[in-house]
C-alpha atoms as a PDB file:
ATOM      1  CA  ALA A   1    -120.891 102.158  13.161  1.00  0.00           C
ATOM      2  CA  PRO A   2    -120.029 103.878  16.373  1.00  0.00           C
ATOM      3  CA  VAL A   3    -116.443 103.216  17.434  1.00  0.00           C
ATOM      4  CA  GLY A   4    -114.222 105.053  19.864  1.00  0.00           C
ATOM      5  CA  LEU A   5    -110.655 105.226  21.433  1.00  0.00           C
ATOM      6  CA  VAL A   6    -110.606 106.245  25.170  1.00  0.00           C
ATOM      7  CA  VAL A   7    -107.199 107.671  26.208  1.00  0.00           C
ATOM      8  CA  LEU A   8    -106.365 108.325  29.919  1.00  0.00           C
ATOM      9  CA  SER A   9    -103.275 109.842  31.271  1.00  0.00           C
ATOM     10  CA  GLY A  10    -102.452 111.004  34.648  1.00  0.00           C
ATOM     11  CA  GLN A  11     -99.601 112.351  36.991  1.00  0.00           C
ATOM     12  CA  ALA A  12     -99.417 114.138  40.258  1.00  0.00           C
ATOM     13  CA  LYS A  13     -97.791 117.294  38.974  1.00  0.00           C
ATOM     14  CA  PRO A  14     -95.833 118.384  35.781  1.00  0.00           C
ATOM     15  CA  SER A  15     -92.468 117.347  37.234  1.00  0.00           C
ATOM     16  CA  SER A  16     -93.832 114.060  38.916  1.00  0.00           C
ATOM     17  CA  TRP A  17     -91.515 111.028  38.924  1.00  0.00           C
ATOM     18  CA  ALA A  18     -94.515 108.648  38.230  1.00  0.00           C
ATOM     19  CA  ASP A  19     -97.266 108.779  35.579  1.00  0.00           C
ATOM     20  CA  ALA A  20     -99.767 106.415  34.121  1.00  0.00           C
ATOM     21  CA  GLU A  21    -101.475 106.087  30.714  1.00  0.00           C
ATOM     22  CA  ALA A  22    -104.138 103.873  29.048  1.00  0.00           C
ATOM     23  CA  SER A  23    -105.575 103.720  25.572  1.00  0.00           C
ATOM     24  CA  VAL A  24    -108.620 101.458  25.090  1.00  0.00           C
ATOM     25  CA  TRP A  25    -110.073 100.737  21.691  1.00  0.00           C
ATOM     26  CA  MET A  26    -113.872 100.571  22.265  1.00  0.00           C
ATOM     27  CA  GLY A  27    -114.571  98.754  19.156  1.00  0.00           C
ATOM     28  CA  GLY A  28    -117.856  98.754  17.249  1.00  0.00           C
ATOM     29  CA  GLY A  29    -119.331  97.471  14.083  1.00  0.00           C
ATOM     30  CA  ASP A  30    -120.975  94.089  13.636  1.00  0.00           C
ATOM     31  CA  THR A  31    -122.683  92.551  16.694  1.00  0.00           C
ATOM     32  CA  ASP A  32    -121.543  89.053  15.577  1.00  0.00           C
ATOM     33  CA  VAL A  33    -117.897  89.944  16.347  1.00  0.00           C
ATOM     34  CA  GLU A  34    -116.692  88.245  19.516  1.00  0.00           C
ATOM     35  CA  HIS A  35    -114.579  91.160  20.661  1.00  0.00           C
ATOM     36  CA  PHE A  36    -115.907  94.684  20.618  1.00  0.00           C
ATOM     37  CA  GLY A  37    -112.699  96.340  21.985  1.00  0.00           C
ATOM     38  CA  ASP A  38    -109.351  95.828  23.600  1.00  0.00           C
ATOM     39  CA  VAL A  39    -106.715  97.485  25.654  1.00  0.00           C
ATOM     40  CA  LEU A  40    -103.897  98.997  23.436  1.00  0.00           C
ATOM     41  CA  VAL A  41    -101.697 100.506  26.135  1.00  0.00           C
ATOM     42  CA  ALA A  42    -101.960 100.398  30.064  1.00  0.00           C
ATOM     43  CA  ASN A  43     -98.849 101.111  31.967  1.00  0.00           C
ATOM     44  CA  VAL A  44     -97.069 102.995  34.746  1.00  0.00           C
ATOM     45  CA  ARG A  45     -93.899 104.750  34.198  1.00  0.00           C
ATOM     46  CA  LEU A  46     -91.472 105.670  36.895  1.00  0.00           C
ATOM     47  CA  ARG A  47     -88.795 108.342  35.952  1.00  0.00           C
ATOM     48  CA  GLU A  48     -85.688 109.524  37.509  1.00  0.00           C
ATOM     49  CA  PRO A  49     -86.230 113.319  37.910  1.00  0.00           C
ATOM     50  CA  HIS A  50     -83.106 114.347  36.016  1.00  0.00           C
ATOM     51  CA  GLY A  51     -83.841 112.296  32.989  1.00  0.00           C
ATOM     52  CA  TYR A  52     -81.210 109.521  33.653  1.00  0.00           C
ATOM     53  CA  GLY A  53     -83.720 106.620  33.535  1.00  0.00           C
ATOM     54  CA  GLU A  54     -87.205 105.354  33.571  1.00  0.00           C
ATOM     55  CA  LEU A  55     -89.061 102.026  34.204  1.00  0.00           C
ATOM     56  CA  ARG A  56     -92.311 101.192  32.568  1.00  0.00           C
ATOM     57  CA  LEU A  57     -94.426  98.263  33.620  1.00  0.00           C
ATOM     58  CA  GLY A  58     -97.602  97.047  31.931  1.00  0.00           C
ATOM     59  CA  ARG A  59     -99.022  96.860  28.312  1.00  0.00           C
ATOM     60  CA  MET A  60     -96.905  98.850  25.976  1.00  0.00           C
ATOM     61  CA  LEU A  61     -95.752  99.236  22.399  1.00  0.00           C
ATOM     62  CA  ILE A  62     -92.015  99.029  22.228  1.00  0.00           C
ATOM     63  CA  THR A  63     -90.092 100.691  19.485  1.00  0.00           C
ATOM     64  CA  ALA A  64     -86.387 100.212  19.884  1.00  0.00           C
ATOM     65  CA  GLY A  65     -84.257 101.436  17.085  1.00  0.00           C
ATOM     66  CA  ALA A  66     -84.385  99.676  13.772  1.00  0.00           C
ATOM     67  CA  VAL A  67     -86.167  96.405  14.817  1.00  0.00           C
ATOM     68  CA  ARG A  68     -89.833  95.839  14.380  1.00  0.00           C
ATOM     69  CA  PRO A  69     -92.161  97.319  16.965  1.00  0.00           C
ATOM     70  CA  VAL A  70     -93.642  94.706  19.472  1.00  0.00           C
ATOM     71  CA  GLN A  71     -96.583  95.152  21.678  1.00  0.00           C
ATOM     72  CA  ILE A  72     -95.998  93.403  25.079  1.00  0.00           C
ATOM     73  CA  ASP A  73     -97.331  92.934  28.689  1.00  0.00           C
ATOM     74  CA  GLY A  74     -94.020  93.297  30.472  1.00  0.00           C
ATOM     75  CA  ALA A  75     -91.414  95.823  31.516  1.00  0.00           C
ATOM     76  CA  SER A  76     -88.955  98.248  29.809  1.00  0.00           C
ATOM     77  CA  LEU A  77     -85.900  99.755  31.477  1.00  0.00           C
ATOM     78  CA  LEU A  78     -84.112 102.749  30.076  1.00  0.00           C
ATOM     79  CA  GLY A  79     -80.879 104.279  31.313  1.00  0.00           C
ATOM     80  CA  ARG A  80     -79.175 107.254  29.749  1.00  0.00           C
ATOM     81  CA  ILE A  81     -76.371 109.745  30.333  1.00  0.00           C
ATOM     82  CA  PRO A  82     -77.073 113.270  29.038  1.00  0.00           C
ATOM     83  CA  ARG A  83     -75.227 114.013  25.758  1.00  0.00           C
ATOM     84  CA  GLY A  84     -73.821 110.348  25.954  1.00  0.00           C
ATOM     85  CA  PRO A  85     -74.942 106.716  25.672  1.00  0.00           C
ATOM     86  CA  SER A  86     -78.231 105.209  26.414  1.00  0.00           C
ATOM     87  CA  LEU A  87     -79.368 101.687  26.945  1.00  0.00           C
ATOM     88  CA  GLN A  88     -82.940 100.157  26.778  1.00  0.00           C
ATOM     89  CA  VAL A  89     -83.730  96.608  27.702  1.00  0.00           C
ATOM     90  CA  PHE A  90     -87.293  95.108  27.687  1.00  0.00           C
ATOM     91  CA  GLY A  91     -89.117  91.862  27.854  1.00  0.00           C
ATOM     92  CA  GLY A  92     -92.511  90.368  28.263  1.00  0.00           C
ATOM     93  CA  VAL A  93     -95.330  88.290  26.857  1.00  0.00           C
ATOM     94  CA  PRO A  94     -96.589  89.332  23.399  1.00  0.00           C
ATOM     95  CA  VAL A  95    -100.119  90.749  23.365  1.00  0.00           C
ATOM     96  CA  GLU A  96    -102.944  88.643  22.197  1.00  0.00           C
ATOM     97  CA  PRO A  97    -106.462  89.974  21.558  1.00  0.00           C
ATOM     98  CA  ALA A  98    -108.728  90.045  24.599  1.00  0.00           C
ATOM     99  CA  PHE A  99    -106.006  89.332  27.061  1.00  0.00           C
ATOM    100  CA  ALA A 100    -105.580  85.717  25.674  1.00  0.00           C
ATOM    101  CA  SER A 101    -102.237  84.073  26.136  1.00  0.00           C
ATOM    102  CA  LYS A 102    -100.359  81.069  24.716  1.00  0.00           C
ATOM    103  CA  GLY A 103     -97.921  79.089  26.659  1.00  0.00           C
ATOM    104  CA  TYR A 104     -94.088  79.811  26.403  1.00  0.00           C
ATOM    105  CA  ASP A 105     -94.575  82.959  24.331  1.00  0.00           C
ATOM    106  CA  TRP A 106     -92.094  85.710  25.074  1.00  0.00           C
ATOM    107  CA  ALA A 107     -90.278  88.565  23.412  1.00  0.00           C
ATOM    108  CA  ALA A 108     -87.154  90.378  24.724  1.00  0.00           C
ATOM    109  CA  GLY A 109     -84.552  92.839  23.312  1.00  0.00           C
ATOM    110  CA  GLY A 110     -82.728  95.980  23.725  1.00  0.00           C
ATOM    111  CA  HIS A 111     -81.328  99.227  22.095  1.00  0.00           C
ATOM    112  CA  ALA A 112     -77.982 100.804  22.751  1.00  0.00           C
ATOM    113  CA  ALA A 113     -77.224 104.318  21.254  1.00  0.00           C
ATOM    114  CA  GLN A 114     -74.549 106.821  21.518  1.00  0.00           C
ATOM    115  CA  ARG A 115     -74.952 110.621  20.750  1.00  0.00           C
ATOM    116  CA  ILE A 116     -72.273 111.896  18.375  1.00  0.00           C
ATOM    117  CA  GLY A 117     -71.508 115.518  19.317  1.00  0.00           C
ATOM    118  CA  GLU A 118     -74.400 117.907  19.266  1.00  0.00           C
ATOM    119  CA  TYR A 119     -75.645 116.828  15.844  1.00  0.00           C
ATOM    120  CA  GLY A 120     -76.107 113.063  15.572  1.00  0.00           C
ATOM    121  CA  SER A 121     -76.531 109.630  17.217  1.00  0.00           C
ATOM    122  CA  ALA A 122     -75.972 106.014  16.160  1.00  0.00           C
ATOM    123  CA  GLY A 123     -77.502 102.808  17.705  1.00  0.00           C
ATOM    124  CA  VAL A 124     -77.698  99.129  17.515  1.00  0.00           C
ATOM    125  CA  SER A 125     -80.792  97.077  18.425  1.00  0.00           C
ATOM    126  CA  TYR A 126     -81.827  93.412  19.005  1.00  0.00           C
ATOM    127  CA  LEU A 127     -85.188  91.719  19.185  1.00  0.00           C
ATOM    128  CA  GLN A 128     -86.126  87.984  19.735  1.00  0.00           C
ATOM    129  CA  ARG A 129     -89.602  86.577  19.895  1.00  0.00           C
ATOM    130  CA  ARG A 130     -90.630  82.936  20.920  1.00  0.00           C
ATOM    131  CA  ASN A 131     -93.997  81.248  20.090  1.00  0.00           C
ATOM    132  CA  GLU A 132     -94.617  78.258  22.085  1.00  0.00           C
ATOM    133  CA  GLY A 133     -91.011  78.173  23.039  1.00  0.00           C
ATOM    134  CA  ARG A 134     -89.814  78.071  19.363  1.00  0.00           C
ATOM    135  CA  LEU A 135     -87.852  80.977  17.900  1.00  0.00           C
ATOM    136  CA  ALA A 136     -90.293  82.934  15.781  1.00  0.00           C
ATOM    137  CA  PHE A 137     -88.047  85.827  14.743  1.00  0.00           C
ATOM    138  CA  GLU A 138     -84.749  87.348  15.519  1.00  0.00           C
ATOM    139  CA  GLU A 139     -83.560  90.752  14.346  1.00  0.00           C
ATOM    140  CA  LEU A 140     -80.469  92.741  14.566  1.00  0.00           C
ATOM    141  CA  GLY A 141     -80.878  96.547  13.617  1.00  0.00           C
ATOM    142  CA  PHE A 142     -78.662  99.609  13.213  1.00  0.00           C
ATOM    143  CA  ASP A 143     -79.833 103.163  13.200  1.00  0.00           C
ATOM    144  CA  ALA A 144     -78.307 106.586  12.742  1.00  0.00           C
ATOM    145  CA  ALA A 145     -79.546 110.230  12.666  1.00  0.00           C
ATOM    146  CA  VAL A 146     -77.745 113.542  11.851  1.00  0.00           C
ATOM    147  CA  SER A 147     -78.862 117.122  11.985  1.00  0.00           C
ATOM    148  CA  PRO A 148     -76.059 119.140  10.599  1.00  0.00           C
ATOM    149  CA  VAL A 149     -77.920 122.426  10.529  1.00  0.00           C
ATOM    150  CA  ARG A 150     -81.010 123.573  12.226  1.00  0.00           C
ATOM    151  CA  TRP A 151     -83.386 123.091   9.313  1.00  0.00           C
ATOM    152  CA  LEU A 152     -82.198 119.646   8.073  1.00  0.00           C
ATOM    153  CA  ASP A 153     -82.538 116.255   9.634  1.00  0.00           C
ATOM    154  CA  ALA A 154     -81.561 112.892   8.033  1.00  0.00           C
ATOM    155  CA  ALA A 155     -81.983 109.413   9.504  1.00  0.00           C
ATOM    156  CA  GLY A 156     -81.643 105.745   8.443  1.00  0.00           C
ATOM    157  CA  VAL A 157     -82.251 102.354   9.753  1.00  0.00           C
ATOM    158  CA  VAL A 158     -81.574  98.776   8.515  1.00  0.00           C
ATOM    159  CA  ALA A 159     -82.678  95.610  10.224  1.00  0.00           C
ATOM    160  CA  VAL A 160     -81.585  92.081   9.385  1.00  0.00           C
ATOM    161  CA  ASP A 161     -83.606  89.040  10.101  1.00  0.00           C
ATOM    162  CA  LEU A 162     -81.094  86.675  11.649  1.00  0.00           C
ATOM    163  CA  LEU A 163     -83.166  83.549  10.690  1.00  0.00           C
ATOM    164  CA  THR A 164     -83.095  84.191   7.014  1.00  0.00           C
ATOM    165  CA  THR A 165     -80.141  86.709   6.821  1.00  0.00           C
ATOM    166  CA  ALA A 166     -82.293  88.928   4.740  1.00  0.00           C
ATOM    167  CA  VAL A 167     -82.987  92.633   5.234  1.00  0.00           C
ATOM    168  CA  SER A 168     -86.305  93.002   6.974  1.00  0.00           C
ATOM    169  CA  ASN A 169     -86.570  96.747   7.402  1.00  0.00           C
ATOM    170  CA  ALA A 170     -84.721  99.573   5.605  1.00  0.00           C
ATOM    171  CA  ARG A 171     -85.626 103.336   5.669  1.00  0.00           C
ATOM    172  CA  VAL A 172     -83.940 106.672   5.003  1.00  0.00           C
ATOM    173  CA  SER A 173     -85.694 109.979   5.649  1.00  0.00           C
ATOM    174  CA  ILE A 174     -84.408 113.464   5.003  1.00  0.00           C
END
């Protein structure tokens, strides 16, 4: 069946402090399906020209360290010191198909990371999601990456579900 993904991106000039992006799934397939497509991403990003921070507003997919990715309609604020620490905080309403919403649903979290010399970094992340005001999940994650030589990278993440005290995500890549 005919399907499509429309991706739009724009900024005033290559070094612009503002840009926007949108990705729309055009759907397709069976005509009995109630929703043929949906907006995957639609946000505006404001950047500090020297790379010290950025603010994103709108619909976005947040991937913050070791915790699970979450798609929200909300905001993300990132601050960083070159060759030093960075801090990201985010929050908003979890995305439901076709812009539907449920009362008292929200997600919030953050990621703090520190560069370790020229060759590595380590971070800690936290994510909490509420459904109808009740705690749906809560995760604490740890991540680290190292690149001791130009041709070798290694990274690892582990996340713990704080409701069940079980590992919810663990990965190592070399």
